[in-house]
Amino acid sequence: MNLYEHQSSYNQNMPIRGLMYLARLYQNYIDDCEINVFSPVLKHLPSPKFIVFYNGSKGEPDQKILRLTDAFAEEGMSGESCLECCATMLNINYGHNYELMEKCRRLEEYSVFVAEVRKALKEGGNQRQAVDDAIDICIEKGVLRDILIRERAAIMNMVLSCTEKQYERLVEKELEQQDKKIKEQERLLKLNRILVQEKKYELLERIQDDPELQKELIEQYGI
C-alpha cells in the first residue's frame, strides 16, 4: 500500500495526514476484497509505505523520518504508544538524493525546473517574465521539454499563483498566531500558580470557564 505526496513546504503534520489517508485506503481495500476482520483467522493486508517528496526552500537533509508519536501530548503517556505512522520525507531539491534522481529522470528534470524558476524569481523584476524565461531555459536544455511546451500556460499560472513569498507570508502569520497562543497559555499557567499559592481555589475554578475573568486577573496581577 504505497502512498506518495508532494510538499513545497516543510510540514511536520504529514504523519497525521498519512494516518487518515491510510485508514481510508485500508477501509476501501477491506471492503473491495470483502475481508472479514471479525474472523478468528488472521487476514493479511498489504504493507504500507508513505513517501513525501519535499522541495521547499527550508534546508532539509536528503531523507528525514517524521513520526506520528511526535505529535502526541506527553501528558498521560505511559510506556510505548500503541499507534505509529511514519512518513519518509525525501528532499528532491536540485543537488539532493543523487541516486534517486539517477533512477528517475523525470524527477531530476522537475528538480532542475524548480531550481531555474527560483533562480529567476530571486533575480527580481517582473515575476511573469522571470518564470517565462525559466521555462525557455528548461525547454532549451531539454528539461521537461514536452510538458513545458504542451502545458506552458497552465504551468505559468500555477507557478505564479503560489510563489514562495506568498506562502512565507501565510506561514509567518500562522507562526505569529501560534506564538500568541503559547504566550496566553503561559500567562494562564502563571495565574493558576498564583491563585493556588494564595489558596483562592474558588476563583481558580471560576476562571476555567470565564475568559473575561482570566483576562481581568492577568491584568490585575500584571502577568
N, C-alpha and C. Protein backbone atom coordinates (compact mmCIF):
# COMPACT_ATOMS: atom_id res chain seq x y z
N MET A 1 0.86 -1.18 0.00
CA MET A 1 0.00 0.00 0.00
C MET A 1 0.91 1.24 0.00
N ASN A 2 1.20 1.75 -1.18
CA ASN A 2 2.13 2.87 -1.30
C ASN A 2 1.37 4.20 -1.41
N LEU A 3 1.79 5.15 -0.58
CA LEU A 3 1.16 6.46 -0.55
C LEU A 3 2.24 7.51 -0.80
N TYR A 4 2.03 8.36 -1.80
CA TYR A 4 3.01 9.37 -2.15
C TYR A 4 2.36 10.76 -2.10
N GLU A 5 3.12 11.73 -1.59
CA GLU A 5 2.62 13.10 -1.58
C GLU A 5 3.77 14.06 -1.84
N HIS A 6 3.46 15.16 -2.49
CA HIS A 6 4.47 16.18 -2.76
C HIS A 6 4.20 17.41 -1.91
N GLN A 7 5.24 17.96 -1.31
CA GLN A 7 5.12 19.15 -0.47
C GLN A 7 6.15 20.19 -0.89
N SER A 8 5.70 21.41 -1.15
CA SER A 8 6.63 22.50 -1.46
C SER A 8 6.96 23.30 -0.20
N SER A 9 6.54 22.77 0.95
CA SER A 9 6.86 23.40 2.23
C SER A 9 7.02 22.30 3.28
N TYR A 10 7.85 22.58 4.29
CA TYR A 10 8.09 21.59 5.34
C TYR A 10 6.86 21.52 6.23
N ASN A 11 6.33 20.32 6.41
CA ASN A 11 5.11 20.14 7.20
C ASN A 11 5.28 18.96 8.15
N GLN A 12 5.37 19.26 9.44
CA GLN A 12 5.57 18.23 10.45
C GLN A 12 4.32 17.37 10.67
N ASN A 13 3.19 17.82 10.11
CA ASN A 13 1.93 17.10 10.33
C ASN A 13 1.66 16.01 9.29
N MET A 14 2.63 15.73 8.44
CA MET A 14 2.41 14.71 7.41
C MET A 14 2.05 13.34 7.98
N PRO A 15 2.65 12.90 9.11
CA PRO A 15 2.24 11.60 9.66
C PRO A 15 0.77 11.56 10.08
N ILE A 16 0.26 12.70 10.58
CA ILE A 16 -1.16 12.76 10.96
C ILE A 16 -2.02 12.60 9.72
N ARG A 17 -1.66 13.32 8.66
CA ARG A 17 -2.41 13.22 7.42
C ARG A 17 -2.27 11.82 6.82
N GLY A 18 -1.05 11.26 6.92
CA GLY A 18 -0.83 9.92 6.40
C GLY A 18 -1.69 8.89 7.10
N LEU A 19 -1.84 9.05 8.42
CA LEU A 19 -2.69 8.13 9.18
C LEU A 19 -4.12 8.14 8.65
N MET A 20 -4.63 9.34 8.38
CA MET A 20 -6.00 9.46 7.88
C MET A 20 -6.12 8.90 6.46
N TYR A 21 -5.14 9.20 5.60
CA TYR A 21 -5.15 8.68 4.23
C TYR A 21 -5.12 7.15 4.23
N LEU A 22 -4.18 6.59 5.00
CA LEU A 22 -4.00 5.14 5.01
C LEU A 22 -5.21 4.42 5.59
N ALA A 23 -5.83 5.03 6.61
CA ALA A 23 -7.02 4.41 7.21
C ALA A 23 -8.13 4.28 6.16
N ARG A 24 -8.29 5.33 5.34
CA ARG A 24 -9.32 5.29 4.29
C ARG A 24 -8.95 4.27 3.22
N LEU A 25 -7.67 4.23 2.85
CA LEU A 25 -7.23 3.28 1.82
C LEU A 25 -7.44 1.84 2.28
N TYR A 26 -7.10 1.56 3.54
CA TYR A 26 -7.29 0.20 4.06
C TYR A 26 -8.77 -0.15 4.17
N GLN A 27 -9.58 0.82 4.54
CA GLN A 27 -11.02 0.57 4.63
C GLN A 27 -11.57 0.19 3.25
N ASN A 28 -11.14 0.94 2.23
CA ASN A 28 -11.57 0.64 0.86
C ASN A 28 -11.07 -0.73 0.41
N TYR A 29 -9.84 -1.05 0.77
CA TYR A 29 -9.24 -2.35 0.41
C TYR A 29 -10.02 -3.49 1.06
N ILE A 30 -10.34 -3.32 2.34
CA ILE A 30 -11.09 -4.34 3.07
C ILE A 30 -12.48 -4.55 2.48
N ASP A 31 -13.12 -3.42 2.12
CA ASP A 31 -14.46 -3.50 1.51
C ASP A 31 -14.40 -4.15 0.13
N ASP A 32 -13.44 -3.72 -0.70
CA ASP A 32 -13.34 -4.23 -2.07
C ASP A 32 -13.01 -5.72 -2.09
N CYS A 33 -12.16 -6.15 -1.16
CA CYS A 33 -11.74 -7.56 -1.11
C CYS A 33 -12.66 -8.41 -0.24
N GLU A 34 -13.67 -7.75 0.33
CA GLU A 34 -14.64 -8.44 1.19
C GLU A 34 -13.93 -9.24 2.29
N ILE A 35 -13.02 -8.57 2.98
CA ILE A 35 -12.26 -9.21 4.07
C ILE A 35 -13.06 -9.12 5.36
N ASN A 36 -13.24 -10.25 6.00
CA ASN A 36 -13.99 -10.31 7.26
C ASN A 36 -13.01 -10.13 8.43
N VAL A 37 -12.91 -8.91 8.94
CA VAL A 37 -11.97 -8.62 10.02
C VAL A 37 -12.45 -9.16 11.37
N PHE A 38 -13.67 -9.68 11.41
CA PHE A 38 -14.20 -10.26 12.65
C PHE A 38 -13.91 -11.77 12.71
N SER A 39 -13.32 -12.29 11.66
CA SER A 39 -12.98 -13.71 11.62
C SER A 39 -11.81 -14.00 12.57
N PRO A 40 -11.78 -15.17 13.21
CA PRO A 40 -10.66 -15.54 14.07
C PRO A 40 -9.40 -15.89 13.29
N VAL A 41 -9.56 -16.05 11.98
CA VAL A 41 -8.42 -16.37 11.11
C VAL A 41 -7.69 -15.08 10.73
N LEU A 42 -6.37 -15.08 10.86
CA LEU A 42 -5.60 -13.89 10.55
C LEU A 42 -5.75 -13.51 9.07
N LYS A 43 -6.10 -12.26 8.83
CA LYS A 43 -6.23 -11.75 7.47
C LYS A 43 -4.99 -10.92 7.14
N HIS A 44 -4.51 -11.03 5.92
CA HIS A 44 -3.30 -10.34 5.52
C HIS A 44 -3.62 -9.06 4.74
N LEU A 45 -2.89 -8.01 5.07
CA LEU A 45 -3.05 -6.72 4.41
C LEU A 45 -1.74 -6.31 3.75
N PRO A 46 -1.78 -5.52 2.70
CA PRO A 46 -0.55 -5.05 2.07
C PRO A 46 0.23 -4.13 3.02
N SER A 47 1.55 -4.26 3.03
CA SER A 47 2.38 -3.41 3.89
C SER A 47 2.34 -1.96 3.41
N PRO A 48 2.26 -1.01 4.35
CA PRO A 48 2.17 0.40 3.96
C PRO A 48 3.53 1.06 3.82
N LYS A 49 3.61 2.02 2.93
CA LYS A 49 4.79 2.88 2.80
C LYS A 49 4.30 4.28 2.43
N PHE A 50 4.74 5.27 3.20
CA PHE A 50 4.30 6.65 2.99
C PHE A 50 5.53 7.51 2.68
N ILE A 51 5.60 8.00 1.45
CA ILE A 51 6.72 8.81 1.00
C ILE A 51 6.25 10.24 0.72
N VAL A 52 7.00 11.21 1.23
CA VAL A 52 6.70 12.62 0.98
C VAL A 52 7.87 13.21 0.19
N PHE A 53 7.59 13.69 -1.00
CA PHE A 53 8.60 14.37 -1.81
C PHE A 53 8.59 15.85 -1.45
N TYR A 54 9.72 16.32 -0.95
CA TYR A 54 9.81 17.71 -0.46
C TYR A 54 10.76 18.54 -1.32
N ASN A 55 10.31 19.72 -1.75
CA ASN A 55 11.21 20.63 -2.46
C ASN A 55 10.99 22.08 -2.04
N GLY A 56 10.78 22.28 -0.74
CA GLY A 56 10.64 23.64 -0.20
C GLY A 56 11.99 24.33 -0.08
N SER A 57 11.96 25.60 0.30
CA SER A 57 13.20 26.39 0.39
C SER A 57 13.92 26.19 1.71
N LYS A 58 13.25 25.63 2.72
CA LYS A 58 13.89 25.37 4.01
C LYS A 58 14.87 24.22 3.87
N GLY A 59 16.11 24.43 4.32
CA GLY A 59 17.13 23.40 4.18
C GLY A 59 16.78 22.14 4.96
N GLU A 60 16.77 21.01 4.29
CA GLU A 60 16.47 19.73 4.92
C GLU A 60 17.42 18.67 4.38
N PRO A 61 17.68 17.60 5.16
CA PRO A 61 18.57 16.53 4.68
C PRO A 61 17.94 15.75 3.53
N ASP A 62 18.73 14.89 2.92
CA ASP A 62 18.22 14.07 1.82
C ASP A 62 17.02 13.25 2.25
N GLN A 63 17.08 12.73 3.46
CA GLN A 63 15.99 11.90 3.97
C GLN A 63 15.73 12.22 5.43
N LYS A 64 14.46 12.23 5.80
CA LYS A 64 14.07 12.51 7.19
C LYS A 64 12.81 11.72 7.52
N ILE A 65 12.78 11.12 8.69
CA ILE A 65 11.62 10.35 9.12
C ILE A 65 10.76 11.20 10.05
N LEU A 66 9.52 11.42 9.67
CA LEU A 66 8.57 12.16 10.50
C LEU A 66 7.65 11.13 11.16
N ARG A 67 7.47 11.25 12.48
CA ARG A 67 6.72 10.24 13.23
C ARG A 67 5.45 10.80 13.85
N LEU A 68 4.40 10.02 13.80
CA LEU A 68 3.13 10.41 14.39
C LEU A 68 3.27 10.60 15.90
N THR A 69 4.07 9.77 16.55
CA THR A 69 4.21 9.84 18.00
C THR A 69 4.79 11.17 18.48
N ASP A 70 5.47 11.90 17.59
CA ASP A 70 5.99 13.22 17.97
C ASP A 70 4.86 14.21 18.22
N ALA A 71 3.68 13.91 17.68
CA ALA A 71 2.54 14.82 17.84
C ALA A 71 1.75 14.54 19.12
N PHE A 72 2.00 13.39 19.75
CA PHE A 72 1.22 13.04 20.94
C PHE A 72 1.65 13.87 22.14
N ALA A 73 0.67 14.33 22.91
CA ALA A 73 0.96 15.07 24.13
C ALA A 73 1.65 14.14 25.12
N GLU A 74 2.67 14.65 25.80
CA GLU A 74 3.40 13.82 26.75
C GLU A 74 2.57 13.53 27.99
N GLU A 75 1.62 14.43 28.30
CA GLU A 75 0.80 14.24 29.49
C GLU A 75 -0.03 12.97 29.34
N GLY A 76 -0.01 12.17 30.33
CA GLY A 76 -0.83 10.95 30.33
C GLY A 76 -0.19 9.79 29.59
N MET A 77 0.98 10.02 28.97
CA MET A 77 1.67 8.94 28.25
C MET A 77 2.40 8.05 29.23
N SER A 78 2.19 6.78 29.15
CA SER A 78 2.91 5.83 30.00
C SER A 78 3.30 4.64 29.15
N GLY A 79 4.60 4.45 28.97
CA GLY A 79 5.07 3.35 28.14
C GLY A 79 5.01 3.69 26.65
N GLU A 80 5.12 2.66 25.85
CA GLU A 80 5.16 2.83 24.39
C GLU A 80 3.76 3.06 23.82
N SER A 81 3.67 3.94 22.82
CA SER A 81 2.39 4.22 22.18
C SER A 81 1.90 3.00 21.40
N CYS A 82 0.59 2.82 21.37
CA CYS A 82 0.02 1.69 20.62
C CYS A 82 -0.16 2.04 19.15
N LEU A 83 0.18 3.28 18.76
CA LEU A 83 -0.08 3.72 17.39
C LEU A 83 1.11 4.51 16.87
N GLU A 84 1.53 4.21 15.63
CA GLU A 84 2.61 4.94 14.99
C GLU A 84 2.36 5.00 13.49
N CYS A 85 2.78 6.08 12.89
CA CYS A 85 2.73 6.23 11.43
C CYS A 85 3.94 7.06 11.03
N CYS A 86 4.77 6.51 10.17
CA CYS A 86 6.00 7.20 9.77
C CYS A 86 5.91 7.67 8.32
N ALA A 87 6.33 8.90 8.11
CA ALA A 87 6.41 9.46 6.77
C ALA A 87 7.88 9.65 6.44
N THR A 88 8.33 9.04 5.36
CA THR A 88 9.72 9.21 4.92
C THR A 88 9.77 10.40 3.97
N MET A 89 10.38 11.49 4.43
CA MET A 89 10.45 12.70 3.61
C MET A 89 11.75 12.70 2.81
N LEU A 90 11.63 12.76 1.49
CA LEU A 90 12.79 12.78 0.60
C LEU A 90 12.94 14.17 -0.01
N ASN A 91 14.11 14.75 0.16
CA ASN A 91 14.38 16.08 -0.38
C ASN A 91 14.70 15.94 -1.87
N ILE A 92 13.85 16.51 -2.72
CA ILE A 92 14.05 16.39 -4.17
C ILE A 92 14.50 17.71 -4.77
N ASN A 93 15.02 18.62 -3.93
CA ASN A 93 15.62 19.83 -4.47
C ASN A 93 16.87 19.45 -5.25
N TYR A 94 17.23 20.29 -6.21
CA TYR A 94 18.41 20.04 -7.04
C TYR A 94 19.65 19.93 -6.15
N GLY A 95 20.43 18.86 -6.34
CA GLY A 95 21.63 18.66 -5.54
C GLY A 95 21.44 17.66 -4.41
N HIS A 96 20.22 17.15 -4.25
CA HIS A 96 19.94 16.17 -3.20
C HIS A 96 19.54 14.83 -3.82
N ASN A 97 19.75 13.77 -3.07
CA ASN A 97 19.32 12.41 -3.46
C ASN A 97 19.74 12.04 -4.88
N TYR A 98 21.06 12.09 -5.12
CA TYR A 98 21.58 11.80 -6.46
C TYR A 98 21.17 10.43 -6.97
N GLU A 99 21.23 9.42 -6.09
CA GLU A 99 20.91 8.06 -6.52
C GLU A 99 19.46 7.96 -6.97
N LEU A 100 18.56 8.62 -6.23
CA LEU A 100 17.15 8.62 -6.60
C LEU A 100 16.95 9.32 -7.94
N MET A 101 17.63 10.46 -8.12
CA MET A 101 17.49 11.23 -9.35
C MET A 101 17.98 10.45 -10.56
N GLU A 102 19.05 9.68 -10.36
CA GLU A 102 19.59 8.87 -11.47
C GLU A 102 18.60 7.81 -11.92
N LYS A 103 17.81 7.32 -10.99
CA LYS A 103 16.84 6.27 -11.30
C LYS A 103 15.54 6.82 -11.88
N CYS A 104 15.29 8.11 -11.64
CA CYS A 104 14.04 8.71 -12.13
C CYS A 104 14.34 10.03 -12.84
N ARG A 105 14.47 9.96 -14.14
CA ARG A 105 14.85 11.13 -14.94
C ARG A 105 13.83 12.26 -14.82
N ARG A 106 12.56 11.92 -14.80
CA ARG A 106 11.50 12.94 -14.70
C ARG A 106 11.63 13.72 -13.40
N LEU A 107 11.92 13.03 -12.33
CA LEU A 107 12.06 13.68 -11.03
C LEU A 107 13.26 14.63 -11.04
N GLU A 108 14.34 14.19 -11.66
CA GLU A 108 15.52 15.04 -11.77
C GLU A 108 15.21 16.29 -12.58
N GLU A 109 14.49 16.12 -13.69
CA GLU A 109 14.13 17.27 -14.52
C GLU A 109 13.25 18.24 -13.76
N TYR A 110 12.34 17.69 -12.96
CA TYR A 110 11.46 18.55 -12.16
C TYR A 110 12.27 19.38 -11.17
N SER A 111 13.27 18.76 -10.52
CA SER A 111 14.10 19.49 -9.55
C SER A 111 14.90 20.59 -10.24
N VAL A 112 15.35 20.32 -11.46
CA VAL A 112 16.09 21.33 -12.23
C VAL A 112 15.16 22.49 -12.60
N PHE A 113 13.94 22.15 -13.02
CA PHE A 113 12.96 23.19 -13.39
C PHE A 113 12.66 24.10 -12.20
N VAL A 114 12.41 23.52 -11.03
CA VAL A 114 12.11 24.31 -9.84
C VAL A 114 13.30 25.21 -9.49
N ALA A 115 14.52 24.68 -9.61
CA ALA A 115 15.72 25.46 -9.32
C ALA A 115 15.84 26.64 -10.27
N GLU A 116 15.53 26.44 -11.55
CA GLU A 116 15.60 27.52 -12.53
C GLU A 116 14.55 28.60 -12.24
N VAL A 117 13.35 28.17 -11.86
CA VAL A 117 12.29 29.13 -11.53
C VAL A 117 12.69 29.96 -10.32
N ARG A 118 13.22 29.31 -9.28
CA ARG A 118 13.63 30.04 -8.08
C ARG A 118 14.75 31.02 -8.37
N LYS A 119 15.68 30.59 -9.21
CA LYS A 119 16.80 31.45 -9.59
C LYS A 119 16.29 32.69 -10.31
N ALA A 120 15.35 32.50 -11.23
CA ALA A 120 14.79 33.61 -11.99
C ALA A 120 14.01 34.56 -11.09
N LEU A 121 13.22 34.02 -10.16
CA LEU A 121 12.43 34.85 -9.26
C LEU A 121 13.33 35.62 -8.29
N LYS A 122 14.42 34.98 -7.88
CA LYS A 122 15.34 35.62 -6.93
C LYS A 122 16.03 36.82 -7.54
N GLU A 123 16.22 36.79 -8.85
CA GLU A 123 16.88 37.90 -9.53
C GLU A 123 15.99 39.13 -9.63
N GLY A 124 14.73 38.98 -9.22
CA GLY A 124 13.82 40.12 -9.17
C GLY A 124 13.20 40.44 -10.53
N GLY A 125 12.63 41.67 -10.61
CA GLY A 125 11.98 42.06 -11.84
C GLY A 125 10.57 41.53 -11.94
N ASN A 126 10.05 41.51 -13.14
CA ASN A 126 8.69 41.04 -13.39
C ASN A 126 8.60 39.53 -13.19
N GLN A 127 7.71 39.10 -12.30
CA GLN A 127 7.60 37.67 -11.99
C GLN A 127 7.20 36.85 -13.21
N ARG A 128 6.23 37.34 -13.94
CA ARG A 128 5.75 36.60 -15.12
C ARG A 128 6.89 36.42 -16.12
N GLN A 129 7.66 37.47 -16.34
CA GLN A 129 8.77 37.38 -17.29
C GLN A 129 9.84 36.42 -16.77
N ALA A 130 10.07 36.44 -15.44
CA ALA A 130 11.09 35.57 -14.83
C ALA A 130 10.73 34.10 -15.03
N VAL A 131 9.47 33.77 -14.77
CA VAL A 131 9.01 32.38 -14.93
C VAL A 131 9.04 31.99 -16.41
N ASP A 132 8.66 32.92 -17.28
CA ASP A 132 8.67 32.66 -18.72
C ASP A 132 10.09 32.36 -19.20
N ASP A 133 11.06 33.14 -18.68
CA ASP A 133 12.46 32.92 -19.06
C ASP A 133 12.95 31.56 -18.55
N ALA A 134 12.54 31.19 -17.32
CA ALA A 134 12.96 29.91 -16.75
C ALA A 134 12.42 28.75 -17.58
N ILE A 135 11.21 28.88 -18.06
CA ILE A 135 10.61 27.84 -18.90
C ILE A 135 11.37 27.73 -20.22
N ASP A 136 11.74 28.89 -20.81
CA ASP A 136 12.52 28.87 -22.05
C ASP A 136 13.86 28.17 -21.87
N ILE A 137 14.52 28.46 -20.73
CA ILE A 137 15.83 27.86 -20.45
C ILE A 137 15.70 26.34 -20.34
N CYS A 138 14.66 25.89 -19.65
CA CYS A 138 14.47 24.44 -19.46
C CYS A 138 14.13 23.75 -20.78
N ILE A 139 13.32 24.40 -21.61
CA ILE A 139 12.98 23.82 -22.92
C ILE A 139 14.24 23.68 -23.76
N GLU A 140 15.09 24.72 -23.70
CA GLU A 140 16.34 24.70 -24.47
C GLU A 140 17.26 23.59 -23.98
N LYS A 141 17.26 23.33 -22.66
CA LYS A 141 18.11 22.29 -22.08
C LYS A 141 17.50 20.89 -22.22
N GLY A 142 16.25 20.82 -22.68
CA GLY A 142 15.58 19.54 -22.80
C GLY A 142 15.01 19.05 -21.49
N VAL A 143 14.82 19.98 -20.55
CA VAL A 143 14.28 19.65 -19.22
C VAL A 143 12.76 19.77 -19.26
N LEU A 144 12.07 18.65 -19.07
CA LEU A 144 10.60 18.63 -19.15
C LEU A 144 10.10 19.28 -20.44
N ARG A 145 10.85 19.15 -21.48
CA ARG A 145 10.57 19.85 -22.73
C ARG A 145 9.16 19.61 -23.24
N ASP A 146 8.76 18.32 -23.32
CA ASP A 146 7.45 18.00 -23.88
C ASP A 146 6.31 18.58 -23.04
N ILE A 147 6.45 18.50 -21.73
CA ILE A 147 5.40 19.01 -20.84
C ILE A 147 5.34 20.52 -20.88
N LEU A 148 6.50 21.17 -20.83
CA LEU A 148 6.54 22.63 -20.80
C LEU A 148 6.01 23.25 -22.10
N ILE A 149 6.26 22.59 -23.22
CA ILE A 149 5.74 23.09 -24.49
C ILE A 149 4.23 22.91 -24.55
N ARG A 150 3.77 21.72 -24.11
CA ARG A 150 2.34 21.41 -24.21
C ARG A 150 1.50 22.16 -23.18
N GLU A 151 2.04 22.32 -21.96
CA GLU A 151 1.25 22.90 -20.87
C GLU A 151 1.83 24.23 -20.37
N ARG A 152 2.47 24.96 -21.23
CA ARG A 152 3.18 26.18 -20.83
C ARG A 152 2.29 27.15 -20.07
N ALA A 153 1.14 27.47 -20.60
CA ALA A 153 0.26 28.47 -19.98
C ALA A 153 -0.22 28.01 -18.60
N ALA A 154 -0.60 26.73 -18.51
CA ALA A 154 -1.10 26.20 -17.23
C ALA A 154 0.00 26.20 -16.17
N ILE A 155 1.22 25.81 -16.58
CA ILE A 155 2.35 25.78 -15.63
C ILE A 155 2.71 27.20 -15.20
N MET A 156 2.68 28.13 -16.13
CA MET A 156 2.95 29.53 -15.81
C MET A 156 1.99 30.04 -14.75
N ASN A 157 0.70 29.80 -14.94
CA ASN A 157 -0.31 30.27 -13.98
C ASN A 157 -0.16 29.59 -12.63
N MET A 158 0.19 28.30 -12.65
CA MET A 158 0.34 27.56 -11.40
C MET A 158 1.50 28.11 -10.59
N VAL A 159 2.63 28.36 -11.23
CA VAL A 159 3.81 28.88 -10.52
C VAL A 159 3.55 30.27 -9.96
N LEU A 160 2.91 31.11 -10.76
CA LEU A 160 2.66 32.49 -10.33
C LEU A 160 1.61 32.57 -9.22
N SER A 161 0.72 31.60 -9.16
CA SER A 161 -0.35 31.65 -8.16
C SER A 161 0.12 31.17 -6.79
N CYS A 162 1.28 30.55 -6.72
CA CYS A 162 1.76 30.05 -5.42
C CYS A 162 3.26 30.28 -5.26
N THR A 163 3.67 31.53 -5.40
CA THR A 163 5.08 31.86 -5.22
C THR A 163 5.46 31.68 -3.76
N GLU A 164 6.74 31.49 -3.52
CA GLU A 164 7.22 31.24 -2.16
C GLU A 164 6.96 32.44 -1.25
N LYS A 165 7.04 33.66 -1.79
CA LYS A 165 6.82 34.83 -0.94
C LYS A 165 5.41 34.84 -0.37
N GLN A 166 4.44 34.47 -1.22
CA GLN A 166 3.06 34.41 -0.74
C GLN A 166 2.92 33.37 0.35
N TYR A 167 3.53 32.22 0.13
CA TYR A 167 3.43 31.16 1.13
C TYR A 167 4.13 31.56 2.43
N GLU A 168 5.31 32.18 2.31
CA GLU A 168 6.05 32.58 3.50
C GLU A 168 5.25 33.58 4.34
N ARG A 169 4.49 34.45 3.69
CA ARG A 169 3.65 35.40 4.44
C ARG A 169 2.58 34.66 5.23
N LEU A 170 2.00 33.63 4.60
CA LEU A 170 0.98 32.84 5.29
C LEU A 170 1.56 32.09 6.48
N VAL A 171 2.75 31.51 6.27
CA VAL A 171 3.42 30.77 7.35
C VAL A 171 3.78 31.72 8.49
N GLU A 172 4.30 32.89 8.14
CA GLU A 172 4.68 33.87 9.16
C GLU A 172 3.47 34.27 10.01
N LYS A 173 2.34 34.48 9.36
CA LYS A 173 1.12 34.83 10.09
C LYS A 173 0.69 33.70 11.02
N GLU A 174 0.78 32.46 10.52
CA GLU A 174 0.39 31.31 11.33
C GLU A 174 1.30 31.17 12.55
N LEU A 175 2.61 31.40 12.35
CA LEU A 175 3.57 31.31 13.46
C LEU A 175 3.32 32.39 14.50
N GLU A 176 2.96 33.58 14.03
CA GLU A 176 2.64 34.67 14.96
C GLU A 176 1.44 34.31 15.82
N GLN A 177 0.42 33.73 15.19
CA GLN A 177 -0.78 33.32 15.94
C GLN A 177 -0.45 32.22 16.93
N GLN A 178 0.42 31.30 16.51
CA GLN A 178 0.82 30.20 17.40
C GLN A 178 1.61 30.74 18.59
N ASP A 179 2.51 31.69 18.32
CA ASP A 179 3.31 32.29 19.39
C ASP A 179 2.42 33.04 20.38
N LYS A 180 1.42 33.74 19.86
CA LYS A 180 0.48 34.46 20.71
C LYS A 180 -0.29 33.50 21.61
N LYS A 181 -0.71 32.38 21.05
CA LYS A 181 -1.46 31.39 21.81
C LYS A 181 -0.61 30.79 22.92
N ILE A 182 0.67 30.51 22.61
CA ILE A 182 1.58 29.94 23.60
C ILE A 182 1.79 30.92 24.75
N LYS A 183 1.95 32.19 24.44
CA LYS A 183 2.15 33.20 25.48
C LYS A 183 0.91 33.34 26.36
N GLU A 184 -0.26 33.24 25.74
CA GLU A 184 -1.51 33.31 26.52
C GLU A 184 -1.60 32.12 27.48
N GLN A 185 -1.21 30.95 27.01
CA GLN A 185 -1.23 29.75 27.86
C GLN A 185 -0.24 29.88 29.01
N GLU A 186 0.93 30.47 28.73
CA GLU A 186 1.93 30.67 29.78
C GLU A 186 1.43 31.63 30.85
N ARG A 187 0.75 32.69 30.42
CA ARG A 187 0.20 33.66 31.39
C ARG A 187 -0.88 33.01 32.25
N LEU A 188 -1.68 32.16 31.63
CA LEU A 188 -2.75 31.48 32.37
C LEU A 188 -2.15 30.51 33.41
N LEU A 189 -1.07 29.82 33.04
CA LEU A 189 -0.41 28.92 33.97
C LEU A 189 0.15 29.68 35.17
N LYS A 190 0.73 30.85 34.91
CA LYS A 190 1.26 31.67 36.00
C LYS A 190 0.14 32.12 36.92
N LEU A 191 -0.99 32.50 36.33
CA LEU A 191 -2.15 32.93 37.12
C LEU A 191 -2.65 31.78 37.99
N ASN A 192 -2.70 30.57 37.42
CA ASN A 192 -3.13 29.40 38.19
C ASN A 192 -2.22 29.16 39.40
N ARG A 193 -0.91 29.29 39.17
CA ARG A 193 0.04 29.07 40.27
C ARG A 193 -0.14 30.11 41.38
N ILE A 194 -0.37 31.34 40.98
CA ILE A 194 -0.56 32.42 41.95
C ILE A 194 -1.80 32.17 42.80
N LEU A 195 -2.89 31.79 42.13
CA LEU A 195 -4.15 31.54 42.85
C LEU A 195 -4.02 30.35 43.79
N VAL A 196 -3.23 29.34 43.38
CA VAL A 196 -3.01 28.19 44.26
C VAL A 196 -2.20 28.61 45.49
N GLN A 197 -1.16 29.41 45.24
CA GLN A 197 -0.33 29.89 46.35
C GLN A 197 -1.13 30.74 47.33
N GLU A 198 -2.08 31.52 46.81
CA GLU A 198 -2.91 32.37 47.66
C GLU A 198 -4.15 31.63 48.17
N LYS A 199 -4.25 30.36 47.80
CA LYS A 199 -5.35 29.49 48.24
C LYS A 199 -6.73 30.04 47.84
N LYS A 200 -6.77 30.66 46.68
CA LYS A 200 -8.03 31.17 46.15
C LYS A 200 -8.62 30.12 45.21
N TYR A 201 -9.01 28.99 45.79
CA TYR A 201 -9.44 27.84 45.00
C TYR A 201 -10.77 28.08 44.27
N GLU A 202 -11.66 28.83 44.90
CA GLU A 202 -12.95 29.12 44.28
C GLU A 202 -12.75 29.96 43.02
N LEU A 203 -11.86 30.95 43.14
CA LEU A 203 -11.55 31.81 42.00
C LEU A 203 -10.84 31.00 40.90
N LEU A 204 -9.99 30.09 41.32
CA LEU A 204 -9.27 29.23 40.39
C LEU A 204 -10.25 28.39 39.55
N GLU A 205 -11.28 27.91 40.19
CA GLU A 205 -12.29 27.10 39.50
C GLU A 205 -13.12 27.95 38.54
N ARG A 206 -13.42 29.19 38.95
CA ARG A 206 -14.26 30.07 38.13
C ARG A 206 -13.58 30.48 36.82
N ILE A 207 -12.28 30.70 36.87
CA ILE A 207 -11.59 31.21 35.66
C ILE A 207 -11.51 30.17 34.55
N GLN A 208 -11.70 28.89 34.87
CA GLN A 208 -11.57 27.85 33.85
C GLN A 208 -12.57 28.02 32.71
N ASP A 209 -13.76 28.55 33.03
CA ASP A 209 -14.80 28.73 32.01
C ASP A 209 -15.17 30.19 31.81
N ASP A 210 -14.28 31.08 32.22
CA ASP A 210 -14.58 32.52 32.12
C ASP A 210 -13.37 33.28 31.57
N PRO A 211 -13.23 33.34 30.22
CA PRO A 211 -12.09 34.03 29.60
C PRO A 211 -11.96 35.49 30.02
N GLU A 212 -13.10 36.16 30.21
CA GLU A 212 -13.08 37.57 30.60
C GLU A 212 -12.47 37.75 31.99
N LEU A 213 -12.82 36.84 32.89
CA LEU A 213 -12.26 36.89 34.25
C LEU A 213 -10.77 36.57 34.20
N GLN A 214 -10.39 35.64 33.34
CA GLN A 214 -8.98 35.32 33.17
C GLN A 214 -8.20 36.57 32.77
N LYS A 215 -8.71 37.26 31.76
CA LYS A 215 -8.05 38.46 31.24
C LYS A 215 -7.97 39.53 32.32
N GLU A 216 -9.05 39.70 33.07
CA GLU A 216 -9.09 40.72 34.13
C GLU A 216 -8.04 40.43 35.20
N LEU A 217 -7.93 39.17 35.63
CA LEU A 217 -6.99 38.81 36.68
C LEU A 217 -5.55 38.86 36.19
N ILE A 218 -5.33 38.50 34.94
CA ILE A 218 -3.98 38.57 34.36
C ILE A 218 -3.48 40.01 34.36
N GLU A 219 -4.37 40.92 34.02
CA GLU A 219 -4.02 42.35 34.05
C GLU A 219 -3.83 42.83 35.49
N GLN A 220 -4.69 42.35 36.37
CA GLN A 220 -4.63 42.76 37.79
C GLN A 220 -3.30 42.34 38.44
N TYR A 221 -2.85 41.14 38.12
CA TYR A 221 -1.59 40.64 38.69
C TYR A 221 -0.37 41.06 37.87
N GLY A 222 -0.61 41.75 36.78
CA GLY A 222 0.49 42.21 35.95
C GLY A 222 1.30 41.10 35.31
N ILE A 223 0.62 40.05 34.91
CA ILE A 223 1.32 38.90 34.31
C ILE A 223 1.57 39.14 32.82
